[in-house]
Amino acid sequence: MEVTVSDVFAGLAFIASGYTMWRQHGLDILNRRLNALLIEKEEADNVSSKRAELAANFVKTGKGSHQFRIYNRGRGVARNVQVEVIAGEELLSMGDVRRKFPFPSLDAHQNINILASIHYGSPRRATVRLKWEDDAGGGEKVVNDDAF
């Protein structure tokens, strides 16, 4: 049996095609992993865009004047916002709380203020529980904030 130049080239072509198929298989596996990660990231972004994230803190609005600000720093709309004062009722105007809450809708980056009464004998900290509903299922958060 005689090996010709064309047989050598055919053998090299066969080896090269086998190597290419092996590399392509590895790239296909990597591509599937990347696609799965992208799908997971898109789903998380979709949920995140529907989620509201409420927070609260005391804000000084003038000389000796304070307010307790509840704000939505999430991207979704918070509906049926409820506030339960756990500690520090003396700091907040409970009449203002009863008048304003439950608040029907708090859009992204919107806030609502509660009058605060801070004086020498008042407690240092207020603790409130915030509850809300949103398109991602709603949430609950306990916030502690120092008045001064």
Protein backbone atom coordinates (compact mmCIF):
# COMPACT_ATOMS: atom_id res chain seq x y z
CA MET A 1 0.00 0.00 0.00
CA GLU A 2 1.39 3.27 -1.06
CA VAL A 3 0.66 6.53 0.79
CA THR A 4 0.33 9.48 -1.48
CA VAL A 5 0.38 13.16 -0.77
CA SER A 6 -3.38 13.34 -1.19
CA ASP A 7 -3.76 10.61 1.49
CA VAL A 8 -1.65 12.68 3.90
CA PHE A 9 -3.73 15.78 3.21
CA ALA A 10 -6.94 13.79 3.64
CA GLY A 11 -5.68 12.46 6.99
CA LEU A 12 -4.69 15.97 8.13
CA ALA A 13 -8.09 17.28 7.03
CA PHE A 14 -9.77 14.49 9.01
CA ILE A 15 -7.76 15.33 12.15
CA ALA A 16 -8.44 19.06 11.68
CA SER A 17 -12.19 18.46 11.31
CA GLY A 18 -12.20 16.26 14.44
CA TYR A 19 -10.40 18.99 16.40
CA THR A 20 -12.85 21.60 15.09
CA MET A 21 -15.84 19.47 16.10
CA TRP A 22 -14.35 18.97 19.59
CA ARG A 23 -13.77 22.75 20.01
CA GLN A 24 -17.25 23.55 18.67
CA HIS A 25 -18.80 21.15 21.18
CA GLY A 26 -16.99 22.97 24.01
CA LEU A 27 -18.14 26.32 22.68
CA ASP A 28 -21.73 25.06 22.42
CA ILE A 29 -21.65 24.04 26.10
CA LEU A 30 -20.27 27.45 27.05
CA ASN A 31 -22.91 29.16 24.90
CA ARG A 32 -25.71 27.21 26.65
CA ARG A 33 -24.35 28.23 30.07
CA LEU A 34 -24.14 31.88 29.03
CA ASN A 35 -27.68 31.82 27.62
CA ALA A 36 -28.99 30.29 30.86
CA LEU A 37 -27.24 33.02 32.88
CA LEU A 38 -28.66 35.73 30.62
CA ILE A 39 -32.17 34.33 30.96
CA GLU A 40 -31.77 34.20 34.75
CA LYS A 41 -30.51 37.80 34.82
CA GLU A 42 -33.40 39.02 32.64
CA GLU A 43 -35.92 37.28 34.89
CA ALA A 44 -34.33 38.86 37.97
CA ASP A 45 -34.41 42.29 36.31
CA ASN A 46 -38.06 41.76 35.41
CA VAL A 47 -38.94 40.97 39.03
CA SER A 48 -36.77 43.87 40.25
CA SER A 49 -38.61 46.31 38.00
CA LYS A 50 -41.88 45.32 39.67
CA ARG A 51 -40.55 45.45 43.23
CA ALA A 52 -41.02 48.41 45.54
CA GLU A 53 -38.49 49.05 48.29
CA LEU A 54 -39.64 51.29 51.12
CA ALA A 55 -37.40 53.05 53.59
CA ALA A 56 -37.86 55.81 56.14
CA ASN A 57 -35.84 58.35 58.09
CA PHE A 58 -36.08 61.63 59.97
CA VAL A 59 -35.44 64.76 57.92
CA LYS A 60 -34.73 68.22 59.27
CA THR A 61 -36.89 70.63 57.24
CA GLY A 62 -36.01 73.86 59.00
CA LYS A 63 -34.76 75.30 62.25
CA GLY A 64 -36.26 73.04 64.89
CA SER A 65 -38.66 71.45 62.39
CA HIS A 66 -38.52 67.73 61.54
CA GLN A 67 -40.48 65.25 59.49
CA PHE A 68 -40.43 61.49 59.23
CA ARG A 69 -40.11 60.68 55.53
CA ILE A 70 -41.24 57.37 54.07
CA TYR A 71 -40.02 56.86 50.52
CA ASN A 72 -40.00 54.28 47.77
CA ARG A 73 -36.51 53.75 46.40
CA GLY A 74 -37.51 50.73 44.33
CA ARG A 75 -38.59 50.72 40.70
CA GLY A 76 -42.09 49.34 41.27
CA VAL A 77 -45.22 50.96 42.67
CA ALA A 78 -46.01 50.31 46.35
CA ARG A 79 -49.74 49.99 46.95
CA ASN A 80 -51.70 49.94 50.19
CA VAL A 81 -48.76 51.25 52.22
CA GLN A 82 -49.31 50.72 55.95
CA VAL A 83 -47.31 52.08 58.88
CA GLU A 84 -47.27 50.58 62.36
CA VAL A 85 -45.36 52.54 64.99
CA ILE A 86 -43.62 50.06 67.27
CA ALA A 87 -41.61 52.47 69.42
CA GLY A 88 -41.19 56.22 69.63
CA GLU A 89 -44.84 57.25 69.28
CA GLU A 90 -43.97 60.47 71.07
CA LEU A 91 -41.81 61.50 68.11
CA LEU A 92 -44.49 61.14 65.44
CA SER A 93 -47.85 62.85 65.04
CA MET A 94 -50.15 59.84 65.41
CA GLY A 95 -53.07 61.88 64.08
CA ASP A 96 -51.06 62.48 60.91
CA VAL A 97 -50.31 58.75 60.69
CA ARG A 98 -53.99 57.81 61.06
CA ARG A 99 -55.02 60.43 58.48
CA LYS A 100 -52.51 59.42 55.80
CA PHE A 101 -52.34 55.64 56.14
CA PRO A 102 -53.03 53.24 54.59
CA PHE A 103 -51.63 55.23 51.67
CA PRO A 104 -53.12 54.07 48.35
CA SER A 105 -50.09 54.26 46.05
CA LEU A 106 -46.47 55.33 46.36
CA ASP A 107 -44.72 55.50 42.98
CA ALA A 108 -41.01 54.95 42.42
CA HIS A 109 -38.91 57.70 44.05
CA GLN A 110 -41.98 59.27 45.64
CA ASN A 111 -42.25 60.01 49.36
CA ILE A 112 -44.77 60.89 52.02
CA ASN A 113 -43.99 62.90 55.14
CA ILE A 114 -45.30 62.55 58.69
CA LEU A 115 -44.99 65.44 61.10
CA ALA A 116 -42.40 64.83 63.80
CA SER A 117 -42.19 66.48 67.20
CA ILE A 118 -38.65 66.36 68.52
CA HIS A 119 -37.81 68.11 71.78
CA TYR A 120 -35.38 67.83 74.65
CA GLY A 121 -37.26 65.09 76.53
CA SER A 122 -38.29 63.03 73.52
CA PRO A 123 -36.94 59.54 72.89
CA ARG A 124 -33.93 59.27 70.63
CA ARG A 125 -35.18 56.57 68.26
CA ALA A 126 -38.38 55.60 66.46
CA THR A 127 -39.14 52.11 65.20
CA VAL A 128 -41.81 51.57 62.56
CA ARG A 129 -42.99 48.59 60.55
CA LEU A 130 -43.75 49.33 56.91
CA LYS A 131 -46.00 46.97 54.93
CA TRP A 132 -46.88 47.27 51.26
CA GLU A 133 -48.08 45.41 48.21
CA ASP A 134 -46.44 45.48 44.78
CA ASP A 135 -46.40 43.48 41.56
CA ALA A 136 -43.63 41.25 42.95
CA GLY A 137 -45.67 40.12 45.95
CA GLY A 138 -45.26 42.95 48.44
CA GLY A 139 -43.03 43.31 51.42
CA GLU A 140 -42.53 44.23 55.03
CA LYS A 141 -39.68 46.08 56.67
CA VAL A 142 -38.87 47.28 60.17
CA VAL A 143 -37.05 50.62 60.22
CA ASN A 144 -35.14 52.07 63.19
CA ASP A 145 -34.01 55.67 62.86
CA ASP A 146 -32.51 58.15 65.27
CA ALA A 147 -34.32 61.47 65.50
CA PHE A 148 -31.18 63.37 66.44
